[in-house]
Amino acid sequence: MANCCEMKEGDLFFCDACGLELEVRKACTCQSGSEDACSVPLSCCGKEMTLKAG
């Protein structure tokens, strides 16, 4: 699951359906499990985006 609190600067995520690619330029500062943590996974075309292996 591509959730922002697990993304690191330089990670590249892509959509299998349309080919959209997004690069993390600045990491999120929320903490997983905290009250203010982001809870929605990164998605495109109705599917979760995938971390591109580098």
PDB file of N, CA and C in Angstrom:
ATOM      1  N   MET A   1       0.844  -1.174   0.000  1.00  0.00           N
ATOM      2  CA  MET A   1       0.000   0.000   0.000  1.00  0.00           C
ATOM      3  C   MET A   1       0.892   1.240   0.000  1.00  0.00           C
ATOM      4  N   ALA A   2       0.607   2.191  -0.851  1.00  0.00           N
ATOM      5  CA  ALA A   2       1.383   3.430  -0.953  1.00  0.00           C
ATOM      6  C   ALA A   2       0.741   4.501  -0.078  1.00  0.00           C
ATOM      7  N   ASN A   3       1.084   4.509   1.212  1.00  0.00           N
ATOM      8  CA  ASN A   3       0.569   5.500   2.136  1.00  0.00           C
ATOM      9  C   ASN A   3       1.673   6.517   2.381  1.00  0.00           C
ATOM     10  N   CYS A   4       1.345   7.789   2.451  1.00  0.00           N
ATOM     11  CA  CYS A   4       2.355   8.848   2.474  1.00  0.00           C
ATOM     12  C   CYS A   4       3.349   8.724   3.620  1.00  0.00           C
ATOM     13  N   CYS A   5       2.954   8.224   4.777  1.00  0.00           N
ATOM     14  CA  CYS A   5       3.895   8.138   5.898  1.00  0.00           C
ATOM     15  C   CYS A   5       4.983   7.090   5.652  1.00  0.00           C
ATOM     16  N   GLU A   6       4.810   6.245   4.649  1.00  0.00           N
ATOM     17  CA  GLU A   6       5.805   5.234   4.318  1.00  0.00           C
ATOM     18  C   GLU A   6       6.646   5.617   3.102  1.00  0.00           C
ATOM     19  N   MET A   7       6.300   6.733   2.438  1.00  0.00           N
ATOM     20  CA  MET A   7       7.018   7.178   1.244  1.00  0.00           C
ATOM     21  C   MET A   7       8.265   7.943   1.638  1.00  0.00           C
ATOM     22  N   LYS A   8       9.328   7.742   0.866  1.00  0.00           N
ATOM     23  CA  LYS A   8      10.595   8.416   1.125  1.00  0.00           C
ATOM     24  C   LYS A   8      10.958   9.297  -0.065  1.00  0.00           C
ATOM     25  N   GLU A   9      11.712  10.358   0.216  1.00  0.00           N
ATOM     26  CA  GLU A   9      12.152  11.256  -0.845  1.00  0.00           C
ATOM     27  C   GLU A   9      12.875  10.451  -1.926  1.00  0.00           C
ATOM     28  N   GLY A  10      12.512  10.684  -3.172  1.00  0.00           N
ATOM     29  CA  GLY A  10      13.112   9.983  -4.298  1.00  0.00           C
ATOM     30  C   GLY A  10      12.336   8.763  -4.762  1.00  0.00           C
ATOM     31  N   ASP A  11      11.385   8.269  -3.941  1.00  0.00           N
ATOM     32  CA  ASP A  11      10.556   7.136  -4.370  1.00  0.00           C
ATOM     33  C   ASP A  11       9.754   7.523  -5.602  1.00  0.00           C
ATOM     34  N   LEU A  12       9.544   6.581  -6.499  1.00  0.00           N
ATOM     35  CA  LEU A  12       8.772   6.799  -7.713  1.00  0.00           C
ATOM     36  C   LEU A  12       7.616   5.807  -7.725  1.00  0.00           C
ATOM     37  N   PHE A  13       6.398   6.329  -7.804  1.00  0.00           N
ATOM     38  CA  PHE A  13       5.200   5.501  -7.840  1.00  0.00           C
ATOM     39  C   PHE A  13       4.560   5.604  -9.210  1.00  0.00           C
ATOM     40  N   PHE A  14       3.972   4.501  -9.689  1.00  0.00           N
ATOM     41  CA  PHE A  14       3.355   4.513 -11.015  1.00  0.00           C
ATOM     42  C   PHE A  14       2.011   3.799 -10.997  1.00  0.00           C
ATOM     43  N   CYS A  15       1.209   4.128 -12.009  1.00  0.00           N
ATOM     44  CA  CYS A  15      -0.109   3.522 -12.199  1.00  0.00           C
ATOM     45  C   CYS A  15      -0.002   2.477 -13.303  1.00  0.00           C
ATOM     46  N   ASP A  16      -0.388   1.251 -12.998  1.00  0.00           N
ATOM     47  CA  ASP A  16      -0.361   0.171 -13.993  1.00  0.00           C
ATOM     48  C   ASP A  16      -1.338   0.418 -15.138  1.00  0.00           C
ATOM     49  N   ALA A  17      -2.433   1.138 -14.860  1.00  0.00           N
ATOM     50  CA  ALA A  17      -3.475   1.323 -15.865  1.00  0.00           C
ATOM     51  C   ALA A  17      -3.130   2.395 -16.902  1.00  0.00           C
ATOM     52  N   CYS A  18      -2.705   3.579 -16.438  1.00  0.00           N
ATOM     53  CA  CYS A  18      -2.496   4.684 -17.384  1.00  0.00           C
ATOM     54  C   CYS A  18      -1.040   5.103 -17.543  1.00  0.00           C
ATOM     55  N   GLY A  19      -0.163   4.611 -16.677  1.00  0.00           N
ATOM     56  CA  GLY A  19       1.253   4.923 -16.793  1.00  0.00           C
ATOM     57  C   GLY A  19       1.706   6.173 -16.051  1.00  0.00           C
ATOM     58  N   LEU A  20       0.792   6.856 -15.354  1.00  0.00           N
ATOM     59  CA  LEU A  20       1.159   8.039 -14.581  1.00  0.00           C
ATOM     60  C   LEU A  20       2.267   7.694 -13.600  1.00  0.00           C
ATOM     61  N   GLU A  21       3.271   8.568 -13.486  1.00  0.00           N
ATOM     62  CA  GLU A  21       4.350   8.381 -12.528  1.00  0.00           C
ATOM     63  C   GLU A  21       4.442   9.605 -11.634  1.00  0.00           C
ATOM     64  N   LEU A  22       4.619   9.382 -10.328  1.00  0.00           N
ATOM     65  CA  LEU A  22       4.769  10.455  -9.362  1.00  0.00           C
ATOM     66  C   LEU A  22       6.025  10.212  -8.548  1.00  0.00           C
ATOM     67  N   GLU A  23       6.868  11.249  -8.433  1.00  0.00           N
ATOM     68  CA  GLU A  23       8.087  11.145  -7.636  1.00  0.00           C
ATOM     69  C   GLU A  23       7.900  11.920  -6.341  1.00  0.00           C
ATOM     70  N   VAL A  24       8.331  11.336  -5.232  1.00  0.00           N
ATOM     71  CA  VAL A  24       8.260  12.003  -3.939  1.00  0.00           C
ATOM     72  C   VAL A  24       9.416  12.996  -3.875  1.00  0.00           C
ATOM     73  N   ARG A  25       9.087  14.274  -3.789  1.00  0.00           N
ATOM     74  CA  ARG A  25      10.105  15.324  -3.724  1.00  0.00           C
ATOM     75  C   ARG A  25      10.389  15.724  -2.287  1.00  0.00           C
ATOM     76  N   LYS A  26       9.390  15.572  -1.423  1.00  0.00           N
ATOM     77  CA  LYS A  26       9.542  15.876  -0.005  1.00  0.00           C
ATOM     78  C   LYS A  26       8.684  14.890   0.766  1.00  0.00           C
ATOM     79  N   ALA A  27       9.279  14.211   1.733  1.00  0.00           N
ATOM     80  CA  ALA A  27       8.562  13.190   2.500  1.00  0.00           C
ATOM     81  C   ALA A  27       7.535  13.833   3.429  1.00  0.00           C
ATOM     82  N   CYS A  28       6.465  13.124   3.685  1.00  0.00           N
ATOM     83  CA  CYS A  28       5.417  13.538   4.613  1.00  0.00           C
ATOM     84  C   CYS A  28       5.981  13.489   6.039  1.00  0.00           C
ATOM     85  N   THR A  29       5.483  14.361   6.902  1.00  0.00           N
ATOM     86  CA  THR A  29       5.967  14.384   8.281  1.00  0.00           C
ATOM     87  C   THR A  29       5.017  13.713   9.263  1.00  0.00           C
ATOM     88  N   CYS A  30       3.890  13.168   8.779  1.00  0.00           N
ATOM     89  CA  CYS A  30       2.960  12.510   9.700  1.00  0.00           C
ATOM     90  C   CYS A  30       3.561  11.189  10.182  1.00  0.00           C
ATOM     91  N   GLN A  31       3.118  10.734  11.327  1.00  0.00           N
ATOM     92  CA  GLN A  31       3.597   9.483  11.911  1.00  0.00           C
ATOM     93  C   GLN A  31       2.507   8.425  11.787  1.00  0.00           C
ATOM     94  N   SER A  32       2.850   7.279  11.265  1.00  0.00           N
ATOM     95  CA  SER A  32       1.897   6.184  11.110  1.00  0.00           C
ATOM     96  C   SER A  32       1.278   5.843  12.456  1.00  0.00           C
ATOM     97  N   GLY A  33      -0.032   5.729  12.506  1.00  0.00           N
ATOM     98  CA  GLY A  33      -0.740   5.370  13.731  1.00  0.00           C
ATOM     99  C   GLY A  33      -1.095   6.547  14.610  1.00  0.00           C
ATOM    100  N   SER A  34      -0.589   7.737  14.309  1.00  0.00           N
ATOM    101  CA  SER A  34      -0.920   8.900  15.125  1.00  0.00           C
ATOM    102  C   SER A  34      -2.282   9.448  14.716  1.00  0.00           C
ATOM    103  N   GLU A  35      -2.821  10.309  15.540  1.00  0.00           N
ATOM    104  CA  GLU A  35      -4.137  10.896  15.281  1.00  0.00           C
ATOM    105  C   GLU A  35      -4.156  11.710  13.991  1.00  0.00           C
ATOM    106  N   ASP A  36      -3.042  12.346  13.665  1.00  0.00           N
ATOM    107  CA  ASP A  36      -2.963  13.200  12.474  1.00  0.00           C
ATOM    108  C   ASP A  36      -2.429  12.476  11.235  1.00  0.00           C
ATOM    109  N   ALA A  37      -2.224  11.172  11.324  1.00  0.00           N
ATOM    110  CA  ALA A  37      -1.645  10.420  10.209  1.00  0.00           C
ATOM    111  C   ALA A  37      -2.591  10.391   9.012  1.00  0.00           C
ATOM    112  N   CYS A  38      -2.021  10.459   7.832  1.00  0.00           N
ATOM    113  CA  CYS A  38      -2.801  10.312   6.606  1.00  0.00           C
ATOM    114  C   CYS A  38      -3.265   8.857   6.512  1.00  0.00           C
ATOM    115  N   SER A  39      -4.471   8.637   6.050  1.00  0.00           N
ATOM    116  CA  SER A  39      -5.003   7.279   6.053  1.00  0.00           C
ATOM    117  C   SER A  39      -5.421   6.766   4.683  1.00  0.00           C
ATOM    118  N   VAL A  40      -5.309   7.592   3.660  1.00  0.00           N
ATOM    119  CA  VAL A  40      -5.751   7.191   2.328  1.00  0.00           C
ATOM    120  C   VAL A  40      -4.549   6.791   1.485  1.00  0.00           C
ATOM    121  N   PRO A  41      -4.540   5.577   0.942  1.00  0.00           N
ATOM    122  CA  PRO A  41      -3.422   5.182   0.083  1.00  0.00           C
ATOM    123  C   PRO A  41      -3.448   5.946  -1.241  1.00  0.00           C
ATOM    124  N   LEU A  42      -2.281   6.141  -1.817  1.00  0.00           N
ATOM    125  CA  LEU A  42      -2.143   6.805  -3.108  1.00  0.00           C
ATOM    126  C   LEU A  42      -2.770   5.918  -4.180  1.00  0.00           C
ATOM    127  N   SER A  43      -3.710   6.484  -4.944  1.00  0.00           N
ATOM    128  CA  SER A  43      -4.369   5.676  -5.970  1.00  0.00           C
ATOM    129  C   SER A  43      -4.579   6.483  -7.246  1.00  0.00           C
ATOM    130  N   CYS A  44      -4.765   5.761  -8.339  1.00  0.00           N
ATOM    131  CA  CYS A  44      -5.013   6.338  -9.656  1.00  0.00           C
ATOM    132  C   CYS A  44      -5.824   5.315 -10.446  1.00  0.00           C
ATOM    133  N   CYS A  45      -6.747   5.749 -11.251  1.00  0.00           N
ATOM    134  CA  CYS A  45      -7.592   4.859 -12.062  1.00  0.00           C
ATOM    135  C   CYS A  45      -8.290   3.809 -11.203  1.00  0.00           C
ATOM    136  N   GLY A  46      -8.592   4.157  -9.950  1.00  0.00           N
ATOM    137  CA  GLY A  46      -9.307   3.259  -9.056  1.00  0.00           C
ATOM    138  C   GLY A  46      -8.459   2.153  -8.456  1.00  0.00           C
ATOM    139  N   LYS A  47      -7.132   2.220  -8.642  1.00  0.00           N
ATOM    140  CA  LYS A  47      -6.236   1.193  -8.098  1.00  0.00           C
ATOM    141  C   LYS A  47      -5.108   1.862  -7.342  1.00  0.00           C
ATOM    142  N   GLU A  48      -4.521   1.121  -6.396  1.00  0.00           N
ATOM    143  CA  GLU A  48      -3.375   1.640  -5.672  1.00  0.00           C
ATOM    144  C   GLU A  48      -2.177   1.780  -6.605  1.00  0.00           C
ATOM    145  N   MET A  49      -1.416   2.856  -6.396  1.00  0.00           N
ATOM    146  CA  MET A  49      -0.200   3.048  -7.190  1.00  0.00           C
ATOM    147  C   MET A  49       0.900   2.147  -6.623  1.00  0.00           C
ATOM    148  N   THR A  50       1.861   1.802  -7.466  1.00  0.00           N
ATOM    149  CA  THR A  50       2.917   0.845  -7.133  1.00  0.00           C
ATOM    150  C   THR A  50       4.261   1.548  -7.074  1.00  0.00           C
ATOM    151  N   LEU A  51       5.081   1.161  -6.089  1.00  0.00           N
ATOM    152  CA  LEU A  51       6.441   1.686  -5.980  1.00  0.00           C
ATOM    153  C   LEU A  51       7.276   1.065  -7.096  1.00  0.00           C
ATOM    154  N   LYS A  52       7.931   1.911  -7.874  1.00  0.00           N
ATOM    155  CA  LYS A  52       8.767   1.444  -8.965  1.00  0.00           C
ATOM    156  C   LYS A  52      10.138   1.063  -8.415  1.00  0.00           C
ATOM    157  N   ALA A  53      10.542  -0.163  -8.643  1.00  0.00           N
ATOM    158  CA  ALA A  53      11.838  -0.641  -8.161  1.00  0.00           C
ATOM    159  C   ALA A  53      12.942   0.067  -8.919  1.00  0.00           C
ATOM    160  N   GLY A  54      13.959   0.468  -8.190  1.00  0.00           N
ATOM    161  CA  GLY A  54      15.025   1.215  -8.838  1.00  0.00           C
ATOM    162  C   GLY A  54      16.286   0.567  -8.612  1.00  0.00           C
TER     163      GLY A  54
END
